Protein backbone atom coordinates (compact mmCIF):
# COMPACT_ATOMS: atom_id res chain seq x y z
CA UNK A 1 75.39 107.84 80.35
CA UNK A 2 71.78 106.81 80.08
CA UNK A 3 70.21 105.78 76.80
CA UNK A 4 68.33 109.08 76.75
CA UNK A 5 71.53 111.08 77.23
CA UNK A 6 73.32 109.16 74.49
CA UNK A 7 70.31 109.57 72.20
CA UNK A 8 70.26 113.32 72.81
CA UNK A 9 73.94 113.48 71.87
CA UNK A 10 73.33 111.49 68.70
CA UNK A 11 70.39 113.68 67.71
CA UNK A 12 72.50 116.78 68.28
CA UNK A 13 75.06 115.38 65.83
CA UNK A 14 72.34 114.72 63.26
CA UNK A 15 70.92 118.23 63.72
CA UNK A 16 74.28 120.03 63.57
CA UNK A 17 73.95 122.34 60.54
CA UNK A 18 77.71 122.12 59.98
CA UNK A 19 77.68 118.32 60.02
CA UNK A 20 76.64 115.54 57.67
CA UNK A 21 73.33 114.70 59.33
CA UNK A 22 71.08 115.88 56.50
CA UNK A 23 73.01 113.81 53.97
CA UNK A 24 73.62 110.78 56.18
CA UNK A 25 70.17 110.34 57.74
CA UNK A 26 67.16 110.45 55.40
CA UNK A 27 64.51 109.71 58.05
CA UNK A 28 64.96 110.52 61.73
CA UNK A 29 62.75 108.66 64.21
CA UNK A 30 62.98 111.36 66.84
CA UNK A 31 59.86 110.70 68.92
CA UNK A 32 59.91 106.91 68.60
CA UNK A 33 63.60 106.80 69.52
CA UNK A 34 62.99 108.92 72.63
CA UNK A 35 60.23 106.53 73.75
CA UNK A 36 62.53 103.54 73.14
CA UNK A 37 65.37 105.17 75.08
CA UNK A 38 63.07 105.98 78.01
CA UNK A 39 61.88 102.37 78.08
CA UNK A 40 65.47 101.09 78.03
CA UNK A 41 66.43 103.35 80.93
CA UNK A 42 63.38 102.21 82.90
CA UNK A 43 64.38 98.60 82.40
CA UNK A 44 67.95 99.39 83.47
CA UNK A 45 66.74 101.02 86.69
CA UNK A 46 64.93 97.79 87.56
CA UNK A 47 67.85 95.56 86.62
CA UNK A 48 66.12 94.22 83.52
CA UNK A 49 67.85 93.81 80.16
CA UNK A 50 66.63 92.60 76.79
CA UNK A 51 70.15 91.71 75.65
CA UNK A 52 73.40 93.23 74.43
CA UNK A 53 71.71 95.95 72.34
CA UNK A 54 69.25 97.15 74.99
CA UNK A 55 69.42 100.96 74.90
CA UNK A 56 72.05 101.01 72.13
CA UNK A 57 71.54 103.72 69.48
CA UNK A 58 71.21 102.00 66.10
CA UNK A 59 70.61 103.24 62.56
CA UNK A 60 69.22 101.17 59.68
CA UNK A 61 69.96 101.47 55.98
CA UNK A 62 67.31 103.05 53.78
CA UNK A 63 66.46 99.72 52.12
CA UNK A 64 64.92 98.04 55.20
CA UNK A 65 61.14 97.84 55.42
CA UNK A 66 59.54 99.77 58.25
CA UNK A 67 55.79 99.24 58.56
CA UNK A 68 53.75 102.03 56.99
CA UNK A 69 56.72 103.65 55.26
CA UNK A 70 58.03 103.76 51.71
CA UNK A 71 61.24 101.76 51.31
CA UNK A 72 63.24 104.19 49.15
CA UNK A 73 66.54 102.30 48.78
CA UNK A 74 68.17 105.68 48.09
CA UNK A 75 65.90 106.25 45.08
CA UNK A 76 63.61 109.18 44.24
CA UNK A 77 61.79 106.86 41.84
CA UNK A 78 60.85 104.41 44.59
CA UNK A 79 59.89 107.33 46.82
CA UNK A 80 57.52 108.61 44.13
CA UNK A 81 56.01 105.16 43.58
CA UNK A 82 54.92 105.36 47.21
CA UNK A 83 54.48 101.66 48.02
CA UNK A 84 54.15 101.27 51.80
CA UNK A 85 55.76 98.40 53.68
CA UNK A 86 53.20 96.15 55.34
CA UNK A 87 55.53 95.12 58.18
CA UNK A 88 58.97 95.70 59.61
CA UNK A 89 61.74 93.62 58.06
CA UNK A 90 62.67 90.65 60.30
CA UNK A 91 66.02 92.24 61.21
CA UNK A 92 64.22 95.41 62.29
CA UNK A 93 61.80 93.34 64.35
CA UNK A 94 64.72 91.60 66.04
CA UNK A 95 66.49 94.88 66.77
CA UNK A 96 63.34 96.34 68.34
CA UNK A 97 62.73 93.18 70.39
CA UNK A 98 66.30 93.41 71.67
CA UNK A 99 65.73 96.96 72.95
CA UNK A 100 67.74 98.78 70.29
CA UNK A 101 66.91 102.47 69.97
CA UNK A 102 66.41 102.96 66.21
CA UNK A 103 67.31 106.54 65.48
CA UNK A 104 67.30 106.89 61.69
CA UNK A 105 67.26 105.44 58.21
CA UNK A 106 70.58 106.14 56.51
CA UNK A 107 71.46 107.24 52.99
CA UNK A 108 72.94 104.85 50.43
CA UNK A 109 73.93 104.39 46.80
CA UNK A 110 70.72 104.09 44.80
CA UNK A 111 69.47 100.48 44.80
CA UNK A 112 72.72 99.57 46.68
CA UNK A 113 74.44 99.18 43.31
CA UNK A 114 77.82 100.94 43.67
CA UNK A 115 80.73 100.71 46.10
CA UNK A 116 81.38 104.46 45.95
CA UNK A 117 78.53 105.78 48.09
CA UNK A 118 77.50 108.78 45.99
CA UNK A 119 73.81 109.64 45.66
CA UNK A 120 72.64 112.36 43.24
CA UNK A 121 69.13 112.44 44.72
CA UNK A 122 69.76 112.89 48.45
CA UNK A 123 73.36 114.09 48.49
CA UNK A 124 76.62 112.34 49.33
CA UNK A 125 77.76 112.37 52.98
CA UNK A 126 81.42 113.34 53.24
CA UNK A 127 84.05 110.90 54.46
CA UNK A 128 84.85 111.68 58.14
CA UNK A 129 88.58 111.58 57.37
CA UNK A 130 88.23 114.16 54.58
CA UNK A 131 84.81 115.60 53.75
CA UNK A 132 85.87 116.16 50.12
CA UNK A 133 86.13 112.37 49.64
CA UNK A 134 83.51 109.68 49.15
CA UNK A 135 82.55 107.55 52.16
CA UNK A 136 82.31 104.29 50.22
CA UNK A 137 79.11 102.41 49.57
CA UNK A 138 76.63 101.34 49.19
CA UNK A 139 76.12 101.81 52.97
CA UNK A 140 77.38 105.40 52.83
CA UNK A 141 75.07 107.07 55.32
CA UNK A 142 75.50 104.13 57.68
CA UNK A 143 79.27 104.51 57.95
CA UNK A 144 79.16 108.30 58.30
CA UNK A 145 76.44 108.06 60.96
CA UNK A 146 78.53 105.56 62.93
CA UNK A 147 81.78 107.50 62.51
CA UNK A 148 80.25 110.87 63.39
CA UNK A 149 78.39 109.73 66.50
CA UNK A 150 74.89 109.86 65.02
CA UNK A 151 74.48 106.26 66.15
CA UNK A 152 76.52 103.64 67.99
CA UNK A 153 75.97 100.81 65.50
CA UNK A 154 74.81 101.11 61.88
CA UNK A 155 73.07 98.26 60.09
CA UNK A 156 73.79 97.89 56.38
CA UNK A 157 73.83 95.32 53.62
CA UNK A 158 76.72 93.73 51.75
CA UNK A 159 76.29 92.20 48.29
CA UNK A 160 79.74 92.92 46.90
CA UNK A 161 81.36 94.84 49.73
CA UNK A 162 78.79 97.47 50.71
CA UNK A 163 79.61 97.17 54.43
CA UNK A 164 83.33 96.42 54.27
CA UNK A 165 84.21 99.08 51.68
CA UNK A 166 82.82 102.06 53.65
CA UNK A 167 84.24 100.64 56.88
CA UNK A 168 87.67 100.46 55.24
CA UNK A 169 87.52 103.97 53.72
CA UNK A 170 86.27 105.55 56.96
CA UNK A 171 88.34 103.68 59.57
CA UNK A 172 85.63 101.54 61.19
CA UNK A 173 84.87 97.83 61.58
CA UNK A 174 82.48 96.27 59.05
CA UNK A 175 81.17 92.69 59.07
CA UNK A 176 79.77 90.54 56.25
CA UNK A 177 78.27 87.36 57.70
CA UNK A 178 77.68 83.99 56.15
CA UNK A 179 74.62 85.09 54.21
CA UNK A 180 72.25 82.36 55.39
CA UNK A 181 72.55 83.36 59.05
CA UNK A 182 70.50 86.58 58.84
CA UNK A 183 67.17 86.76 56.97
CA UNK A 184 67.12 89.22 54.06
CA UNK A 185 63.32 89.32 53.81
CA UNK A 186 62.16 92.92 53.96
CA UNK A 187 65.47 94.28 52.69
CA UNK A 188 65.04 95.74 49.20
CA UNK A 189 66.91 93.22 47.02
CA UNK A 190 69.96 93.73 44.87
CA UNK A 191 70.97 90.10 44.36
CA UNK A 192 68.92 87.26 45.82
CA UNK A 193 72.00 85.05 45.63
CA UNK A 194 74.57 87.32 47.27
CA UNK A 195 72.75 89.82 49.53
CA UNK A 196 73.74 89.74 53.20
CA UNK A 197 73.05 91.97 56.21
CA UNK A 198 75.62 93.15 58.71
CA UNK A 199 76.84 95.94 61.03
CA UNK A 200 79.30 98.81 60.89
CA UNK A 201 80.63 100.03 64.25
CA UNK A 202 83.75 101.32 65.99
CA UNK A 203 84.63 97.89 67.42
CA UNK A 204 84.52 94.16 66.73
CA UNK A 205 82.55 93.59 69.94
CA UNK A 206 79.80 96.00 68.87
CA UNK A 207 79.55 94.28 65.48
CA UNK A 208 79.40 90.86 67.15
CA UNK A 209 76.53 91.97 69.41
CA UNK A 210 74.50 93.31 66.50
CA UNK A 211 75.25 90.20 64.44
CA UNK A 212 74.02 87.90 67.21
CA UNK A 213 70.76 89.82 67.63
CA UNK A 214 70.03 89.89 63.89
CA UNK A 215 70.88 86.19 63.55
CA UNK A 216 68.56 85.32 66.43
CA UNK A 217 71.44 83.92 68.49
CA UNK A 218 72.57 84.41 72.06
CA UNK A 219 75.57 86.72 72.30
CA UNK A 220 78.59 85.28 74.07
CA UNK A 221 81.41 87.62 75.14
CA UNK A 222 84.33 87.37 72.72
CA UNK A 223 87.26 85.37 74.03
CA UNK A 224 90.13 86.40 71.78
CA UNK A 225 92.48 83.48 71.05
CA UNK A 226 96.26 83.89 71.25
CA UNK A 227 97.69 85.03 67.93
CA UNK A 228 100.82 82.95 68.37
CA UNK A 229 100.52 79.90 66.15
CA UNK A 230 97.43 81.15 64.33
CA UNK A 231 97.46 79.98 60.70
CA UNK A 232 97.07 83.09 58.57
CA UNK A 233 97.21 82.93 54.79
CA UNK A 234 98.23 86.03 52.84
CA UNK A 235 96.13 86.16 49.67
CA UNK A 236 98.33 86.23 46.58
CA UNK A 237 97.74 87.47 43.07
CA UNK A 238 94.99 89.87 42.10
CA UNK A 239 94.04 91.03 45.64
CA UNK A 240 97.54 92.55 45.98
CA UNK A 241 97.73 94.11 42.49
CA UNK A 242 97.91 97.88 42.01
CA UNK A 243 97.66 98.84 45.68
CA UNK A 244 98.11 102.52 46.29
CA UNK A 245 100.92 103.72 48.53
CA UNK A 246 98.81 104.20 51.67
CA UNK A 247 97.27 100.73 51.43
CA UNK A 248 100.65 99.12 50.65
CA UNK A 249 102.20 100.72 53.72
CA UNK A 250 99.26 99.93 56.01
CA UNK A 251 98.98 96.32 54.88
CA UNK A 252 102.71 95.76 55.36
CA UNK A 253 102.51 97.21 58.87
CA UNK A 254 99.56 94.94 59.69
CA UNK A 255 101.39 91.83 58.47
CA UNK A 256 104.50 92.83 60.43
CA UNK A 257 102.45 93.18 63.61
CA UNK A 258 100.91 89.74 63.09
CA UNK A 259 104.33 88.21 62.47
CA UNK A 260 105.79 89.79 65.61
CA UNK A 261 102.81 88.43 67.57
CA UNK A 262 103.81 84.91 66.55
CA UNK A 263 101.17 84.19 63.92
CA UNK A 264 102.16 81.62 61.28
CA UNK A 265 101.97 83.65 58.08
CA UNK A 266 102.15 81.96 54.69
CA UNK A 267 101.56 83.06 51.12
CA UNK A 268 98.27 81.60 49.89
CA UNK A 269 97.68 81.44 46.12
CA UNK A 270 94.07 81.69 44.98
CA UNK A 271 93.91 79.94 41.60
CA UNK A 272 90.11 79.84 41.77
CA UNK A 273 90.05 83.59 41.14
CA UNK A 274 90.73 82.78 37.49
CA UNK A 275 87.62 80.59 37.47
CA UNK A 276 85.63 83.38 39.13
CA UNK A 277 86.80 85.78 36.41
CA UNK A 278 85.77 83.29 33.74
CA UNK A 279 82.25 83.03 35.21
CA UNK A 280 81.94 86.80 35.57
CA UNK A 281 83.15 87.38 32.01
CA UNK A 282 79.64 86.42 30.90
CA UNK A 283 78.15 89.19 33.02
CA UNK A 284 78.18 87.74 36.52
CA UNK A 285 75.36 86.45 38.71
CA UNK A 286 74.59 89.69 40.52
CA UNK A 287 73.83 92.06 37.58
CA UNK A 288 71.03 90.01 35.96
CA UNK A 289 69.40 89.52 39.37
CA UNK A 290 69.50 93.28 39.93
CA UNK A 291 68.22 93.96 36.41
CA UNK A 292 65.28 91.63 36.98
CA UNK A 293 64.21 93.73 39.98
CA UNK A 294 64.41 97.01 38.03
CA UNK A 295 63.67 96.13 34.38
CA UNK A 296 60.16 97.57 34.40
CA UNK A 297 61.28 100.78 36.13
CA UNK A 298 64.12 101.26 33.67
CA UNK A 299 61.73 100.82 30.75
CA UNK A 300 59.19 103.27 32.16
CA UNK A 301 61.25 105.94 33.94
CA UNK A 302 64.90 105.04 33.61
CA UNK A 303 65.89 108.68 33.25
CA UNK A 304 65.17 109.17 36.97
CA UNK A 305 67.81 106.62 38.02
CA UNK A 306 71.39 107.62 38.93
CA UNK A 307 73.21 107.41 35.55
CA UNK A 308 76.07 105.39 37.04
CA UNK A 309 73.63 102.86 38.51
CA UNK A 310 71.53 102.78 35.36
CA UNK A 311 74.57 102.04 33.20
CA UNK A 312 75.48 99.05 35.38
CA UNK A 313 71.92 97.72 35.31
CA UNK A 314 71.54 98.12 31.55
CA UNK A 315 74.66 96.04 30.87
CA UNK A 316 72.75 93.02 32.19
CA UNK A 317 69.86 93.44 29.73
CA UNK A 318 71.41 91.10 27.16
CA UNK A 319 72.50 88.30 29.52
CA UNK A 320 70.56 85.19 28.52
CA UNK A 321 68.70 82.91 30.91
CA UNK A 322 70.96 80.05 29.82
CA UNK A 323 74.11 82.02 30.71
CA UNK A 324 72.61 83.09 34.06
CA UNK A 325 71.75 79.50 35.03
CA UNK A 326 75.15 78.27 33.88
CA UNK A 327 76.87 80.94 35.98
CA UNK A 328 74.83 79.97 39.05
CA UNK A 329 75.74 76.31 38.64
CA UNK A 330 79.42 77.04 38.09
CA UNK A 331 79.49 79.38 41.07
CA UNK A 332 77.99 76.72 43.33
CA UNK A 333 80.75 74.30 42.35
CA UNK A 334 83.44 76.95 42.89
CA UNK A 335 82.05 77.81 46.34
CA UNK A 336 82.62 74.22 47.45
CA UNK A 337 86.13 74.18 46.00
CA UNK A 338 87.13 77.47 47.67
CA UNK A 339 85.78 76.23 51.00
CA UNK A 340 88.10 73.24 50.73
CA UNK A 341 91.05 75.50 49.89
CA UNK A 342 90.48 77.58 53.04
CA UNK A 343 90.18 74.54 55.32
CA UNK A 344 93.84 74.55 56.38
CA UNK A 345 93.77 78.21 57.47
CA UNK A 346 92.34 79.97 60.49
CA UNK A 347 91.89 83.13 58.40
CA UNK A 348 92.93 84.56 55.06
CA UNK A 349 94.04 88.21 54.97
CA UNK A 350 94.21 90.88 52.27
CA UNK A 351 93.62 94.63 51.97
CA UNK A 352 89.90 95.39 52.11
CA UNK A 353 90.20 97.93 49.29
CA UNK A 354 93.24 98.45 47.04
CA UNK A 355 92.82 102.22 47.13
CA UNK A 356 91.84 104.89 49.65
CA UNK A 357 88.73 107.02 49.22
CA UNK A 358 88.66 109.02 45.96
CA UNK A 359 87.50 112.63 45.99
CA UNK A 360 83.88 113.39 45.20
CA UNK A 361 84.94 115.79 42.44
CA UNK A 362 87.04 113.25 40.54
CA UNK A 363 84.15 110.78 40.54
CA UNK A 364 81.95 113.13 38.52
CA UNK A 365 83.40 111.73 35.28
CA UNK A 366 81.54 108.51 34.40
CA UNK A 367 84.64 106.69 33.12
CA UNK A 368 86.56 107.50 36.32
CA UNK A 369 83.57 106.46 38.39
CA UNK A 370 83.32 103.10 36.63
CA UNK A 371 87.05 102.40 36.98
CA UNK A 372 87.35 103.33 40.64
CA UNK A 373 84.06 101.67 41.56
CA UNK A 374 85.46 98.45 40.11
CA UNK A 375 88.66 98.89 42.12
CA UNK A 376 86.78 99.49 45.36
CA UNK A 377 84.68 96.36 44.82
CA UNK A 378 87.51 94.17 43.57
CA UNK A 379 88.70 92.49 46.78
CA UNK A 380 85.48 92.45 48.78
CA UNK A 381 83.26 91.03 46.03
CA UNK A 382 85.41 87.89 45.88
CA UNK A 383 83.94 86.68 49.15
CA UNK A 384 80.31 87.32 48.24
CA UNK A 385 80.93 85.20 45.15
CA UNK A 386 82.59 82.43 47.19
CA UNK A 387 80.03 82.69 50.02
CA UNK A 388 82.52 83.23 52.86
CA UNK A 389 82.28 85.44 55.95
CA UNK A 390 84.61 88.44 56.20
CA UNK A 391 85.42 91.44 58.38
CA UNK A 392 87.28 94.69 57.73
CA UNK A 393 89.43 96.15 60.50
CA UNK A 394 91.05 99.59 60.39
CA UNK A 395 94.79 99.47 59.73
CA UNK A 396 97.07 101.79 61.72
CA UNK A 397 98.61 104.71 59.88
CA UNK A 398 98.82 108.47 59.68
CA UNK A 399 97.20 108.86 56.25
CA UNK A 400 93.72 108.24 54.93
CA UNK A 401 91.97 105.17 56.39
CA UNK A 402 92.33 101.72 54.87
CA UNK A 403 91.32 98.28 56.03
CA UNK A 404 92.61 94.79 56.69
CA UNK A 405 90.13 92.12 55.62
CA UNK A 406 90.00 88.79 57.47
CA UNK A 407 88.16 85.98 55.67
CA UNK A 408 86.92 82.66 57.04
CA UNK A 409 84.90 79.74 55.72
CA UNK A 410 81.13 79.89 55.48
CA UNK A 411 79.56 79.22 58.89
CA UNK A 412 82.74 80.01 60.84
CA UNK A 413 81.44 83.44 61.87
CA UNK A 414 81.85 83.03 65.62
CA UNK A 415 85.47 81.96 65.30
CA UNK A 416 86.14 84.82 62.89
CA UNK A 417 84.77 87.31 65.41
CA UNK A 418 87.07 85.93 68.11
CA UNK A 419 90.14 86.10 65.86
CA UNK A 420 89.15 89.59 64.71
CA UNK A 421 88.96 90.73 68.35
CA UNK A 422 92.52 89.54 68.89
CA UNK A 423 93.78 91.23 65.72
CA UNK A 424 91.90 94.41 66.59
CA UNK A 425 93.64 94.52 69.97
CA UNK A 426 97.01 93.97 68.31
CA UNK A 427 96.55 96.69 65.69
CA UNK A 428 95.27 99.18 68.26
CA UNK A 429 98.40 98.63 70.33
């Protein structure tokens, strides 16, 4: 199919009145996308390509700057403030230069500050596996757009799991890179220390192509290594606590497949998680950074912010500058120690989320929301704290979707993609 034909199909999915398009896609670039698709097809007819994303239908999360537009970040308050972006975010510039057909800006948790994916201002797109359930967040519209065929690759952000959580809950692949590889300028900030940008897509290869373009690197076809002899550590302790039945079953099946493929599996304790918990007991690094961005808005018009997001932001109001600086320093030391502990492994594995997607109705109670949001973020946020790269792959099963997370050392992204391609092939079989 041509880019124009695939774009028409994607637009039809967005426009379907029985679908999730109105909740998943907040801005649709109909005319611009058609011009981009026509240009991609013209290049293809002349044997010209701009790279692996030329003519690919891509969506971008609502927090990326697009020149001349308000960057809403899922917020009615930011929309009302009306500040216009002066230029496209660097990742958007790189996507355009690579020939990507940008179809829409996708919905998200307000300010990207929950892992659930609900949005009281613009609606909550239903999980493709069960529309009564949350899609996961904060990149909620991104994952639903990718799963429902409204785009071929969705670009999101991941500060505590906002790409990997929705990928896990909706049965797709989600990638969190080593944060330094992709510029976050022009992406509305949540945490200057832990923000990262990555893709959600149906396959590892699609994620790898988008990652290469956004990182400004040449894409090399993935050569999946043999799984036999691969050193895979099974995370022990907290990441395996209180798994629900579906996740327990799926994770066990994934480990069994890896074992039968000849991988060298070993239990891998993570004693540094206790140190992480000690640092976070003083409030964590991420919340005060987020509060700094929004303090003035909360003081002026806090009643317009999602109550669940506002409650999380307000908890950081009393964190002192001394505690924040101490937490940063302690985190930096722990990052180096965790990197050393992962050095003897090819990858570490654990469930991406300990639970499957909750229902939208049950999350209406604020205490339930807070508890399940914490559970959804529990495993993924570890690797933002420790500055690793990580990918979520869908686990096989006949129930609700859940994910297998593969983790590698900072800067080992290319090797992680290759290993993930091999594991993806195994799980699909």
